[in-house]
PDB file of N, CA and C in Angstrom:
ATOM      1  N   MET A   1       0.808  -1.062  -0.202  1.00  0.00           N
ATOM      2  CA  MET A   1      -0.186   0.027  -0.203  1.00  0.00           C
ATOM      3  C   MET A   1       0.910   1.278  -0.036  1.00  0.00           C
ATOM      4  N   LYS A   2       2.079   1.169   0.532  1.00  0.00           N
ATOM      5  CA  LYS A   2       2.859   2.286   0.668  1.00  0.00           C
ATOM      6  C   LYS A   2       3.355   2.712  -0.670  1.00  0.00           C
ATOM      7  N   THR A   3       3.586   1.743  -1.494  1.00  0.00           N
ATOM      8  CA  THR A   3       4.210   1.840  -2.787  1.00  0.00           C
ATOM      9  C   THR A   3       3.303   2.532  -3.755  1.00  0.00           C
ATOM     10  N   LEU A   4       1.888   2.052  -3.470  1.00  0.00           N
ATOM     11  CA  LEU A   4       0.903   2.558  -4.354  1.00  0.00           C
ATOM     12  C   LEU A   4       0.708   4.225  -4.032  1.00  0.00           C
ATOM     13  N   THR A   5       0.696   4.513  -2.533  1.00  0.00           N
ATOM     14  CA  THR A   5       0.618   5.927  -2.073  1.00  0.00           C
ATOM     15  C   THR A   5       1.926   6.868  -2.645  1.00  0.00           C
ATOM     16  N   ILE A   6       3.070   6.396  -2.497  1.00  0.00           N
ATOM     17  CA  ILE A   6       4.116   6.987  -3.242  1.00  0.00           C
ATOM     18  C   ILE A   6       3.832   7.195  -4.600  1.00  0.00           C
ATOM     19  N   SER A   7       3.578   6.233  -5.396  1.00  0.00           N
ATOM     20  CA  SER A   7       3.393   6.424  -6.929  1.00  0.00           C
ATOM     21  C   SER A   7       2.357   7.218  -7.190  1.00  0.00           C
ATOM     22  N   ILE A   8       1.188   7.654  -6.243  1.00  0.00           N
ATOM     23  CA  ILE A   8       0.189   8.298  -6.518  1.00  0.00           C
ATOM     24  C   ILE A   8       0.821   9.795  -6.116  1.00  0.00           C
ATOM     25  N   ILE A   9       1.569   9.922  -5.216  1.00  0.00           N
ATOM     26  CA  ILE A   9       2.191  11.337  -4.839  1.00  0.00           C
ATOM     27  C   ILE A   9       3.245  11.793  -6.032  1.00  0.00           C
ATOM     28  N   ILE A  10       3.809  10.758  -6.749  1.00  0.00           N
ATOM     29  CA  ILE A  10       4.783  11.252  -7.689  1.00  0.00           C
ATOM     30  C   ILE A  10       4.196  11.893  -8.695  1.00  0.00           C
ATOM     31  N   ILE A  11       2.881  11.055  -9.042  1.00  0.00           N
ATOM     32  CA  ILE A  11       1.768  11.629 -10.258  1.00  0.00           C
ATOM     33  C   ILE A  11       1.335  12.974 -10.003  1.00  0.00           C
ATOM     34  N   LEU A  12       0.705  13.025  -8.719  1.00  0.00           N
ATOM     35  CA  LEU A  12       0.171  14.186  -8.287  1.00  0.00           C
ATOM     36  C   LEU A  12       1.123  15.274  -8.346  1.00  0.00           C
ATOM     37  N   LEU A  13       2.530  15.132  -8.144  1.00  0.00           N
ATOM     38  CA  LEU A  13       3.300  16.558  -7.770  1.00  0.00           C
ATOM     39  C   LEU A  13       3.713  16.886  -9.441  1.00  0.00           C
ATOM     40  N   THR A  14       3.304  15.875 -10.296  1.00  0.00           N
ATOM     41  CA  THR A  14       3.532  16.443 -11.810  1.00  0.00           C
ATOM     42  C   THR A  14       2.455  17.760 -11.931  1.00  0.00           C
ATOM     43  N   GLY A  15       1.250  17.518 -11.203  1.00  0.00           N
ATOM     44  CA  GLY A  15       0.282  18.887 -11.218  1.00  0.00           C
ATOM     45  C   GLY A  15       0.954  20.078 -10.523  1.00  0.00           C
ATOM     46  N   CYS A  16       1.987  20.005  -9.515  1.00  0.00           N
ATOM     47  CA  CYS A  16       2.410  20.886  -8.739  1.00  0.00           C
ATOM     48  C   CYS A  16       3.544  21.746  -9.651  1.00  0.00           C
ATOM     49  N   ALA A  17       4.075  21.218 -10.628  1.00  0.00           N
ATOM     50  CA  ALA A  17       5.113  21.730 -11.463  1.00  0.00           C
ATOM     51  C   ALA A  17       4.700  22.655 -12.326  1.00  0.00           C
ATOM     52  N   HIS A  18       5.550  23.611 -12.879  1.00  0.00           N
ATOM     53  CA  HIS A  18       5.008  24.900 -13.403  1.00  0.00           C
ATOM     54  C   HIS A  18       5.718  24.457 -14.710  1.00  0.00           C
ATOM     55  N   PHE A  19       4.947  24.707 -15.855  1.00  0.00           N
ATOM     56  CA  PHE A  19       5.419  24.463 -17.210  1.00  0.00           C
ATOM     57  C   PHE A  19       5.602  25.803 -18.052  1.00  0.00           C
ATOM     58  N   ASP A  20       5.812  26.840 -17.496  1.00  0.00           N
ATOM     59  CA  ASP A  20       5.925  27.845 -18.223  1.00  0.00           C
ATOM     60  C   ASP A  20       6.908  27.893 -19.185  1.00  0.00           C
ATOM     61  N   GLY A  21       6.593  28.134 -20.665  1.00  0.00           N
ATOM     62  CA  GLY A  21       7.974  28.178 -21.480  1.00  0.00           C
ATOM     63  C   GLY A  21       8.380  26.946 -21.929  1.00  0.00           C
ATOM     64  N   TRP A  22       7.853  25.832 -21.378  1.00  0.00           N
ATOM     65  CA  TRP A  22       7.855  24.285 -22.153  1.00  0.00           C
ATOM     66  C   TRP A  22       6.872  24.308 -23.119  1.00  0.00           C
ATOM     67  N   ASN A  23       7.528  23.741 -24.114  1.00  0.00           N
ATOM     68  CA  ASN A  23       6.676  23.249 -25.276  1.00  0.00           C
ATOM     69  C   ASN A  23       5.768  22.181 -25.263  1.00  0.00           C
ATOM     70  N   THR A  24       5.217  21.858 -25.998  1.00  0.00           N
ATOM     71  CA  THR A  24       4.179  20.651 -25.741  1.00  0.00           C
ATOM     72  C   THR A  24       4.881  19.267 -26.111  1.00  0.00           C
ATOM     73  N   ARG A  25       5.999  19.177 -26.809  1.00  0.00           N
ATOM     74  CA  ARG A  25       6.543  18.010 -26.887  1.00  0.00           C
ATOM     75  C   ARG A  25       7.481  17.670 -25.353  1.00  0.00           C
ATOM     76  N   ASP A  26       8.036  18.890 -25.003  1.00  0.00           N
ATOM     77  CA  ASP A  26       8.738  18.523 -23.615  1.00  0.00           C
ATOM     78  C   ASP A  26       7.613  18.249 -22.337  1.00  0.00           C
ATOM     79  N   LYS A  27       6.547  18.869 -22.640  1.00  0.00           N
ATOM     80  CA  LYS A  27       5.518  18.418 -21.586  1.00  0.00           C
ATOM     81  C   LYS A  27       5.097  17.030 -21.753  1.00  0.00           C
ATOM     82  N   ILE A  28       4.851  16.569 -22.981  1.00  0.00           N
ATOM     83  CA  ILE A  28       4.591  15.033 -23.504  1.00  0.00           C
ATOM     84  C   ILE A  28       5.770  14.086 -22.819  1.00  0.00           C
ATOM     85  N   LEU A  29       6.963  14.450 -23.171  1.00  0.00           N
ATOM     86  CA  LEU A  29       7.902  13.856 -22.700  1.00  0.00           C
ATOM     87  C   LEU A  29       8.316  13.899 -21.258  1.00  0.00           C
ATOM     88  N   PHE A  30       7.637  14.903 -20.594  1.00  0.00           N
ATOM     89  CA  PHE A  30       7.854  14.769 -19.086  1.00  0.00           C
ATOM     90  C   PHE A  30       6.769  13.954 -18.586  1.00  0.00           C
ATOM     91  N   GLY A  31       5.618  13.876 -19.245  1.00  0.00           N
ATOM     92  CA  GLY A  31       4.582  13.091 -18.703  1.00  0.00           C
ATOM     93  C   GLY A  31       5.051  11.371 -19.027  1.00  0.00           C
ATOM     94  N   THR A  32       5.605  11.362 -20.040  1.00  0.00           N
ATOM     95  CA  THR A  32       5.992   9.901 -20.684  1.00  0.00           C
ATOM     96  C   THR A  32       7.078   9.459 -19.350  1.00  0.00           C
ATOM     97  N   PHE A  33       7.961  10.425 -18.978  1.00  0.00           N
ATOM     98  CA  PHE A  33       8.994  10.040 -17.922  1.00  0.00           C
ATOM     99  C   PHE A  33       8.291   9.753 -16.728  1.00  0.00           C
ATOM    100  N   THR A  34       7.288  10.646 -16.062  1.00  0.00           N
ATOM    101  CA  THR A  34       6.320  10.412 -15.193  1.00  0.00           C
ATOM    102  C   THR A  34       5.960   8.835 -14.985  1.00  0.00           C
ATOM    103  N   ALA A  35       5.208   8.488 -16.262  1.00  0.00           N
ATOM    104  CA  ALA A  35       4.669   7.130 -16.243  1.00  0.00           C
ATOM    105  C   ALA A  35       5.867   6.042 -16.013  1.00  0.00           C
ATOM    106  N   LEU A  36       6.801   6.131 -16.857  1.00  0.00           N
ATOM    107  CA  LEU A  36       7.872   5.300 -16.896  1.00  0.00           C
ATOM    108  C   LEU A  36       8.686   5.241 -15.614  1.00  0.00           C
ATOM    109  N   HIS A  37       8.898   6.423 -15.248  1.00  0.00           N
ATOM    110  CA  HIS A  37       9.689   6.203 -13.467  1.00  0.00           C
ATOM    111  C   HIS A  37       8.815   5.630 -12.595  1.00  0.00           C
ATOM    112  N   THR A  38       7.441   5.931 -12.713  1.00  0.00           N
ATOM    113  CA  THR A  38       6.537   5.348 -11.719  1.00  0.00           C
ATOM    114  C   THR A  38       6.554   3.572 -11.749  1.00  0.00           C
ATOM    115  N   VAL A  39       6.568   3.268 -12.945  1.00  0.00           N
ATOM    116  CA  VAL A  39       6.617   1.756 -13.521  1.00  0.00           C
ATOM    117  C   VAL A  39       7.971   1.363 -12.959  1.00  0.00           C
ATOM    118  N   ASP A  40       8.948   1.947 -13.084  1.00  0.00           N
ATOM    119  CA  ASP A  40      10.384   1.411 -12.756  1.00  0.00           C
ATOM    120  C   ASP A  40      10.573   1.583 -11.387  1.00  0.00           C
ATOM    121  N   LEU A  41       9.916   2.432 -10.521  1.00  0.00           N
ATOM    122  CA  LEU A  41       9.857   2.564  -9.049  1.00  0.00           C
ATOM    123  C   LEU A  41       9.270   1.176  -8.635  1.00  0.00           C
ATOM    124  N   LEU A  42       7.831   0.938  -9.039  1.00  0.00           N
ATOM    125  CA  LEU A  42       7.317  -0.243  -8.893  1.00  0.00           C
ATOM    126  C   LEU A  42       8.172  -1.543  -9.092  1.00  0.00           C
ATOM    127  N   GLN A  43       8.382  -1.567 -10.275  1.00  0.00           N
ATOM    128  CA  GLN A  43       9.389  -2.706 -10.476  1.00  0.00           C
ATOM    129  C   GLN A  43      10.666  -3.063  -9.584  1.00  0.00           C
ATOM    130  N   THR A  44      11.294  -1.928  -9.278  1.00  0.00           N
ATOM    131  CA  THR A  44      12.299  -1.828  -8.299  1.00  0.00           C
ATOM    132  C   THR A  44      12.162  -2.699  -7.106  1.00  0.00           C
ATOM    133  N   ARG A  45      10.938  -2.058  -6.551  1.00  0.00           N
ATOM    134  CA  ARG A  45      10.482  -2.484  -5.253  1.00  0.00           C
ATOM    135  C   ARG A  45      10.229  -3.901  -5.148  1.00  0.00           C
ATOM    136  N   GLU A  46       9.581  -4.376  -6.080  1.00  0.00           N
ATOM    137  CA  GLU A  46       9.183  -5.836  -6.542  1.00  0.00           C
ATOM    138  C   GLU A  46      10.701  -6.549  -6.715  1.00  0.00           C
ATOM    139  N   ILE A  47      11.607  -5.990  -7.642  1.00  0.00           N
ATOM    140  CA  ILE A  47      12.798  -6.831  -7.485  1.00  0.00           C
ATOM    141  C   ILE A  47      13.547  -7.219  -6.016  1.00  0.00           C
ATOM    142  N   MET A  48      13.430  -5.908  -5.324  1.00  0.00           N
ATOM    143  CA  MET A  48      14.117  -5.834  -4.201  1.00  0.00           C
ATOM    144  C   MET A  48      13.347  -6.601  -2.819  1.00  0.00           C
ATOM    145  N   LYS A  49      12.169  -7.315  -3.137  1.00  0.00           N
ATOM    146  CA  LYS A  49      11.776  -8.224  -2.314  1.00  0.00           C
ATOM    147  C   LYS A  49      12.809  -9.424  -1.995  1.00  0.00           C
ATOM    148  N   ASP A  50      12.802  -9.813  -0.917  1.00  0.00           N
ATOM    149  CA  ASP A  50      13.833 -11.104  -0.514  1.00  0.00           C
ATOM    150  C   ASP A  50      13.372 -12.174  -1.199  1.00  0.00           C
ATOM    151  N   ASP A  51      12.246 -12.679  -1.204  1.00  0.00           N
ATOM    152  CA  ASP A  51      11.946 -13.771  -1.747  1.00  0.00           C
ATOM    153  C   ASP A  51      11.516 -14.372  -3.302  1.00  0.00           C
ATOM    154  N   ASN A  52      11.923 -13.228  -3.910  1.00  0.00           N
ATOM    155  CA  ASN A  52      11.545 -13.279  -5.392  1.00  0.00           C
ATOM    156  C   ASN A  52      12.371 -14.060  -6.507  1.00  0.00           C
ATOM    157  N   GLY A  53      13.796 -13.960  -6.007  1.00  0.00           N
ATOM    158  CA  GLY A  53      14.725 -14.575  -6.915  1.00  0.00           C
ATOM    159  C   GLY A  53      15.323 -13.398  -8.126  1.00  0.00           C
ATOM    160  N   TYR A  54      14.939 -12.515  -7.785  1.00  0.00           N
ATOM    161  CA  TYR A  54      15.534 -11.188  -8.682  1.00  0.00           C
ATOM    162  C   TYR A  54      16.499 -10.458  -7.811  1.00  0.00           C
ATOM    163  N   HIS A  55      17.505  -9.627  -8.519  1.00  0.00           N
ATOM    164  CA  HIS A  55      18.684  -8.953  -7.882  1.00  0.00           C
ATOM    165  C   HIS A  55      18.595  -7.682  -8.490  1.00  0.00           C
ATOM    166  N   GLU A  56      18.475  -6.714  -7.931  1.00  0.00           N
ATOM    167  CA  GLU A  56      18.723  -5.228  -8.491  1.00  0.00           C
ATOM    168  C   GLU A  56      20.122  -4.955  -8.957  1.00  0.00           C
ATOM    169  N   CYS A  57      20.314  -4.718 -10.484  1.00  0.00           N
ATOM    170  CA  CYS A  57      21.392  -4.686 -11.067  1.00  0.00           C
ATOM    171  C   CYS A  57      22.181  -3.303 -10.683  1.00  0.00           C
ATOM    172  N   ASN A  58      21.430  -2.261 -10.433  1.00  0.00           N
ATOM    173  CA  ASN A  58      21.952  -1.119 -10.043  1.00  0.00           C
ATOM    174  C   ASN A  58      22.943  -0.768  -8.914  1.00  0.00           C
ATOM    175  N   PRO A  59      23.947  -0.723  -8.749  1.00  0.00           N
ATOM    176  CA  PRO A  59      24.777  -0.878  -7.413  1.00  0.00           C
ATOM    177  C   PRO A  59      24.344  -0.042  -6.606  1.00  0.00           C
ATOM    178  N   VAL A  60      24.032   1.466  -7.044  1.00  0.00           N
ATOM    179  CA  VAL A  60      23.586   2.444  -6.109  1.00  0.00           C
ATOM    180  C   VAL A  60      22.459   2.224  -5.518  1.00  0.00           C
ATOM    181  N   LEU A  61      21.386   1.752  -5.968  1.00  0.00           N
ATOM    182  CA  LEU A  61      20.036   1.283  -5.565  1.00  0.00           C
ATOM    183  C   LEU A  61      20.151   0.085  -4.812  1.00  0.00           C
ATOM    184  N   ASP A  62      20.962  -1.104  -5.166  1.00  0.00           N
ATOM    185  CA  ASP A  62      20.964  -2.151  -4.448  1.00  0.00           C
ATOM    186  C   ASP A  62      21.826  -1.911  -3.006  1.00  0.00           C
ATOM    187  N   GLY A  63      22.593  -1.112  -2.818  1.00  0.00           N
ATOM    188  CA  GLY A  63      23.357  -0.714  -1.697  1.00  0.00           C
ATOM    189  C   GLY A  63      22.272   0.084  -0.655  1.00  0.00           C
ATOM    190  N   LEU A  64      21.292   0.564  -1.065  1.00  0.00           N
ATOM    191  CA  LEU A  64      20.334   1.405  -0.230  1.00  0.00           C
ATOM    192  C   LEU A  64      19.339   0.583   0.281  1.00  0.00           C
ATOM    193  N   GLY A  65      18.944  -0.893  -0.145  1.00  0.00           N
ATOM    194  CA  GLY A  65      17.870  -1.475   0.400  1.00  0.00           C
ATOM    195  C   GLY A  65      16.587  -0.777  -0.221  1.00  0.00           C
ATOM    196  N   ARG A  66      15.547  -1.739  -0.018  1.00  0.00           N
ATOM    197  CA  ARG A  66      14.469  -1.676  -0.630  1.00  0.00           C
ATOM    198  C   ARG A  66      13.824  -0.026  -0.368  1.00  0.00           C
ATOM    199  N   ASP A  67      13.830   0.317   1.043  1.00  0.00           N
ATOM    200  CA  ASP A  67      13.226   1.488   1.178  1.00  0.00           C
ATOM    201  C   ASP A  67      13.986   2.784   0.740  1.00  0.00           C
ATOM    202  N   GLY A  68      15.319   2.537   1.003  1.00  0.00           N
ATOM    203  CA  GLY A  68      16.345   3.601   0.614  1.00  0.00           C
ATOM    204  C   GLY A  68      16.289   3.720  -0.879  1.00  0.00           C
ATOM    205  N   ALA A  69      16.159   2.821  -1.633  1.00  0.00           N
ATOM    206  CA  ALA A  69      15.764   2.736  -3.038  1.00  0.00           C
ATOM    207  C   ALA A  69      14.831   3.775  -3.772  1.00  0.00           C
ATOM    208  N   THR A  70      13.648   3.345  -2.960  1.00  0.00           N
ATOM    209  CA  THR A  70      12.434   4.025  -3.063  1.00  0.00           C
ATOM    210  C   THR A  70      12.720   5.602  -2.646  1.00  0.00           C
ATOM    211  N   VAL A  71      13.192   5.789  -1.850  1.00  0.00           N
ATOM    212  CA  VAL A  71      13.648   7.305  -1.270  1.00  0.00           C
ATOM    213  C   VAL A  71      14.289   7.763  -2.555  1.00  0.00           C
ATOM    214  N   ALA A  72      15.401   7.347  -3.150  1.00  0.00           N
ATOM    215  CA  ALA A  72      16.304   7.660  -4.025  1.00  0.00           C
ATOM    216  C   ALA A  72      15.417   8.004  -5.282  1.00  0.00           C
ATOM    217  N   MET A  73      14.862   6.879  -5.682  1.00  0.00           N
ATOM    218  CA  MET A  73      14.037   7.022  -6.976  1.00  0.00           C
ATOM    219  C   MET A  73      12.987   8.241  -6.810  1.00  0.00           C
ATOM    220  N   VAL A  74      12.350   8.294  -5.781  1.00  0.00           N
ATOM    221  CA  VAL A  74      11.422   9.391  -5.339  1.00  0.00           C
ATOM    222  C   VAL A  74      11.829  10.805  -5.665  1.00  0.00           C
ATOM    223  N   LEU A  75      13.339  10.989  -4.987  1.00  0.00           N
ATOM    224  CA  LEU A  75      13.863  11.992  -4.829  1.00  0.00           C
ATOM    225  C   LEU A  75      14.649  12.534  -6.625  1.00  0.00           C
ATOM    226  N   ALA A  76      14.709  11.403  -7.076  1.00  0.00           N
ATOM    227  CA  ALA A  76      15.404  11.691  -8.650  1.00  0.00           C
ATOM    228  C   ALA A  76      14.180  12.289  -9.654  1.00  0.00           C
ATOM    229  N   TYR A  77      13.130  12.204  -9.154  1.00  0.00           N
ATOM    230  CA  TYR A  77      11.806  12.592 -10.117  1.00  0.00           C
ATOM    231  C   TYR A  77      11.794  14.337  -9.982  1.00  0.00           C
ATOM    232  N   PRO A  78      11.751  14.683  -8.780  1.00  0.00           N
ATOM    233  CA  PRO A  78      12.096  16.178  -8.946  1.00  0.00           C
ATOM    234  C   PRO A  78      13.382  16.693  -9.315  1.00  0.00           C
ATOM    235  N   ALA A  79      14.401  16.258  -9.225  1.00  0.00           N
ATOM    236  CA  ALA A  79      15.724  16.726  -9.767  1.00  0.00           C
ATOM    237  C   ALA A  79      15.503  16.491 -11.322  1.00  0.00           C
ATOM    238  N   VAL A  80      14.787  15.448 -11.910  1.00  0.00           N
ATOM    239  CA  VAL A  80      14.949  15.491 -13.515  1.00  0.00           C
ATOM    240  C   VAL A  80      13.927  16.972 -13.796  1.00  0.00           C
ATOM    241  N   TYR A  81      12.966  17.150 -12.984  1.00  0.00           N
ATOM    242  CA  TYR A  81      12.175  18.369 -13.357  1.00  0.00           C
ATOM    243  C   TYR A  81      12.862  19.754 -13.210  1.00  0.00           C
ATOM    244  N   LEU A  82      13.726  19.883 -12.190  1.00  0.00           N
ATOM    245  CA  LEU A  82      14.304  20.955 -11.666  1.00  0.00           C
ATOM    246  C   LEU A  82      15.395  21.282 -12.761  1.00  0.00           C
ATOM    247  N   LEU A  83      16.372  19.926 -13.363  1.00  0.00           N
ATOM    248  CA  LEU A  83      17.158  20.114 -14.302  1.00  0.00           C
ATOM    249  C   LEU A  83      16.761  20.373 -15.584  1.00  0.00           C
ATOM    250  N   ALA A  84      15.527  20.047 -15.922  1.00  0.00           N
ATOM    251  CA  ALA A  84      14.929  20.154 -17.208  1.00  0.00           C
ATOM    252  C   ALA A  84      14.405  21.793 -17.016  1.00  0.00           C
ATOM    253  N   ASN A  85      14.032  22.181 -16.141  1.00  0.00           N
ATOM    254  CA  ASN A  85      13.273  23.406 -16.158  1.00  0.00           C
ATOM    255  C   ASN A  85      14.205  24.717 -16.186  1.00  0.00           C
ATOM    256  N   TYR A  86      15.232  24.416 -15.331  1.00  0.00           N
ATOM    257  CA  TYR A  86      16.395  25.429 -15.379  1.00  0.00           C
ATOM    258  C   TYR A  86      17.475  25.394 -16.262  1.00  0.00           C
ATOM    259  N   ILE A  87      17.528  24.513 -17.344  1.00  0.00           N
ATOM    260  CA  ILE A  87      18.501  24.535 -18.092  1.00  0.00           C
ATOM    261  C   ILE A  87      17.703  24.328 -19.489  1.00  0.00           C
ATOM    262  N   PRO A  88      16.805  25.201 -19.895  1.00  0.00           N
ATOM    263  CA  PRO A  88      15.889  25.130 -21.101  1.00  0.00           C
ATOM    264  C   PRO A  88      16.527  24.803 -22.735  1.00  0.00           C
ATOM    265  N   LYS A  89      17.887  25.286 -22.610  1.00  0.00           N
ATOM    266  CA  LYS A  89      18.628  25.146 -23.787  1.00  0.00           C
ATOM    267  C   LYS A  89      18.814  23.647 -23.946  1.00  0.00           C
ATOM    268  N   TYR A  90      18.929  22.785 -22.969  1.00  0.00           N
ATOM    269  CA  TYR A  90      18.989  21.348 -23.105  1.00  0.00           C
ATOM    270  C   TYR A  90      17.657  20.495 -22.471  1.00  0.00           C
ATOM    271  N   ARG A  91      16.871  21.118 -22.412  1.00  0.00           N
ATOM    272  CA  ARG A  91      15.388  20.773 -21.805  1.00  0.00           C
ATOM    273  C   ARG A  91      15.190  19.259 -22.423  1.00  0.00           C
ATOM    274  N   THR A  92      14.950  19.336 -24.044  1.00  0.00           N
ATOM    275  CA  THR A  92      14.590  17.985 -24.949  1.00  0.00           C
ATOM    276  C   THR A  92      15.513  17.108 -24.799  1.00  0.00           C
ATOM    277  N   PRO A  93      16.893  17.255 -24.927  1.00  0.00           N
ATOM    278  CA  PRO A  93      17.607  16.048 -24.694  1.00  0.00           C
ATOM    279  C   PRO A  93      17.788  15.518 -23.393  1.00  0.00           C
ATOM    280  N   ILE A  94      17.579  16.481 -22.379  1.00  0.00           N
ATOM    281  CA  ILE A  94      17.496  15.667 -20.872  1.00  0.00           C
ATOM    282  C   ILE A  94      16.380  14.917 -20.782  1.00  0.00           C
ATOM    283  N   LEU A  95      15.158  15.382 -21.230  1.00  0.00           N
ATOM    284  CA  LEU A  95      13.765  14.610 -21.290  1.00  0.00           C
ATOM    285  C   LEU A  95      14.005  13.294 -22.287  1.00  0.00           C
ATOM    286  N   ILE A  96      14.818  13.379 -23.233  1.00  0.00           N
ATOM    287  CA  ILE A  96      14.774  12.347 -24.083  1.00  0.00           C
ATOM    288  C   ILE A  96      15.616  10.928 -23.462  1.00  0.00           C
ATOM    289  N   ILE A  97      16.900  11.842 -22.957  1.00  0.00           N
ATOM    290  CA  ILE A  97      17.823  10.735 -21.938  1.00  0.00           C
ATOM    291  C   ILE A  97      17.206  10.006 -21.006  1.00  0.00           C
ATOM    292  N   VAL A  98      16.303  10.540 -20.226  1.00  0.00           N
ATOM    293  CA  VAL A  98      15.969   9.986 -18.719  1.00  0.00           C
ATOM    294  C   VAL A  98      14.563   9.187 -19.284  1.00  0.00           C
ATOM    295  N   ASN A  99      14.097   9.517 -20.480  1.00  0.00           N
ATOM    296  CA  ASN A  99      12.812   8.675 -20.838  1.00  0.00           C
ATOM    297  C   ASN A  99      13.428   7.161 -21.333  1.00  0.00           C
ATOM    298  N   ALA A 100      14.595   7.434 -22.089  1.00  0.00           N
ATOM    299  CA  ALA A 100      15.328   6.168 -22.921  1.00  0.00           C
ATOM    300  C   ALA A 100      15.834   5.354 -21.628  1.00  0.00           C
ATOM    301  N   MET A 101      16.585   6.051 -20.667  1.00  0.00           N
ATOM    302  CA  MET A 101      16.974   5.154 -19.447  1.00  0.00           C
ATOM    303  C   MET A 101      15.964   4.554 -18.693  1.00  0.00           C
ATOM    304  N   SER A 102      14.848   5.353 -18.395  1.00  0.00           N
ATOM    305  CA  SER A 102      13.534   4.425 -17.661  1.00  0.00           C
ATOM    306  C   SER A 102      13.016   3.608 -18.534  1.00  0.00           C
ATOM    307  N   GLY A 103      12.735   3.800 -19.728  1.00  0.00           N
ATOM    308  CA  GLY A 103      12.396   2.779 -20.888  1.00  0.00           C
ATOM    309  C   GLY A 103      13.053   1.654 -20.996  1.00  0.00           C
ATOM    310  N   ILE A 104      14.321   1.622 -20.935  1.00  0.00           N
ATOM    311  CA  ILE A 104      15.016   0.571 -20.909  1.00  0.00           C
ATOM    312  C   ILE A 104      15.050  -0.363 -19.891  1.00  0.00           C
ATOM    313  N   CYS A 105      15.045   0.315 -18.672  1.00  0.00           N
ATOM    314  CA  CYS A 105      14.823  -0.447 -17.596  1.00  0.00           C
ATOM    315  C   CYS A 105      13.618  -1.021 -17.455  1.00  0.00           C
ATOM    316  N   VAL A 106      12.531  -0.401 -17.674  1.00  0.00           N
ATOM    317  CA  VAL A 106      11.148  -1.141 -17.686  1.00  0.00           C
ATOM    318  C   VAL A 106      11.020  -2.188 -18.505  1.00  0.00           C
ATOM    319  N   ILE A 107      11.696  -2.195 -19.780  1.00  0.00           N
ATOM    320  CA  ILE A 107      11.508  -3.207 -20.760  1.00  0.00           C
ATOM    321  C   ILE A 107      12.273  -4.165 -20.437  1.00  0.00           C
ATOM    322  N   ASN A 108      13.680  -4.170 -19.746  1.00  0.00           N
ATOM    323  CA  ASN A 108      14.660  -5.028 -19.463  1.00  0.00           C
ATOM    324  C   ASN A 108      13.790  -5.816 -18.178  1.00  0.00           C
ATOM    325  N   ASN A 109      13.228  -5.247 -17.084  1.00  0.00           N
ATOM    326  CA  ASN A 109      12.601  -5.797 -15.779  1.00  0.00           C
ATOM    327  C   ASN A 109      11.356  -6.564 -16.467  1.00  0.00           C
ATOM    328  N   HIS A 110      10.445  -6.029 -17.441  1.00  0.00           N
ATOM    329  CA  HIS A 110       9.563  -6.966 -17.873  1.00  0.00           C
ATOM    330  C   HIS A 110       9.916  -7.977 -18.543  1.00  0.00           C
ATOM    331  N   SER A 111      10.887  -8.228 -19.386  1.00  0.00           N
ATOM    332  CA  SER A 111      11.548  -9.059 -20.303  1.00  0.00           C
ATOM    333  C   SER A 111      12.032 -10.452 -19.224  1.00  0.00           C
ATOM    334  N   ILE A 112      12.581  -9.938 -18.046  1.00  0.00           N
ATOM    335  CA  ILE A 112      12.910 -10.881 -17.354  1.00  0.00           C
ATOM    336  C   ILE A 112      11.854 -11.798 -16.104  1.00  0.00           C
ATOM    337  N   GLY A 113      10.615 -11.049 -16.499  1.00  0.00           N
ATOM    338  CA  GLY A 113       9.661 -11.783 -15.637  1.00  0.00           C
ATOM    339  C   GLY A 113       9.026 -10.626 -14.588  1.00  0.00           C
ATOM    340  N   VAL A 114       9.698  -9.521 -14.290  1.00  0.00           N
ATOM    341  CA  VAL A 114       9.207  -8.787 -13.147  1.00  0.00           C
ATOM    342  C   VAL A 114       7.969  -8.292 -13.298  1.00  0.00           C
ATOM    343  N   ARG A 115       6.866  -8.518 -12.630  1.00  0.00           N
ATOM    344  CA  ARG A 115       5.610  -7.910 -12.791  1.00  0.00           C
ATOM    345  C   ARG A 115       5.250  -7.240 -11.415  1.00  0.00           C
ATOM    346  N   ILE A 116       4.351  -6.178 -11.617  1.00  0.00           N
ATOM    347  CA  ILE A 116       3.915  -5.089 -10.353  1.00  0.00           C
ATOM    348  C   ILE A 116       2.622  -6.046  -9.888  1.00  0.00           C
ATOM    349  N   LYS A 117       2.909  -6.366  -8.331  1.00  0.00           N
ATOM    350  CA  LYS A 117       1.805  -6.908  -7.876  1.00  0.00           C
ATOM    351  C   LYS A 117       1.415  -5.945  -6.735  1.00  0.00           C
ATOM    352  N   PHE A 118       0.068  -5.925  -6.586  1.00  0.00           N
ATOM    353  CA  PHE A 118      -0.614  -5.034  -5.796  1.00  0.00           C
ATOM    354  C   PHE A 118      -0.956  -5.754  -4.289  1.00  0.00           C
TER     355      PHE A 118
END
């Protein structure tokens, strides 16, 4: 239940973001990042359960434990927004890169059998 609550908070935080000066493409990219990041967070929590046979490959997240990894991923979300918001010259490339990174993680996790369970 905590994971679902955290995920809902992440999605709701998007509504608190100010997108003044953002073009439609960048808003869509950030929305896509929000969805991918939420799925990646839920998959990471599933991977880090002790009894499921999976192992977190990200050495930073693995060293933090399940709850620490959740906190780190939740904090990464506003960091991406702030970076994209305050460096408008590189906003689109930043958003493309974080979408690609999150998308690759989600696809890889799904391909090895990780499913989100509620």
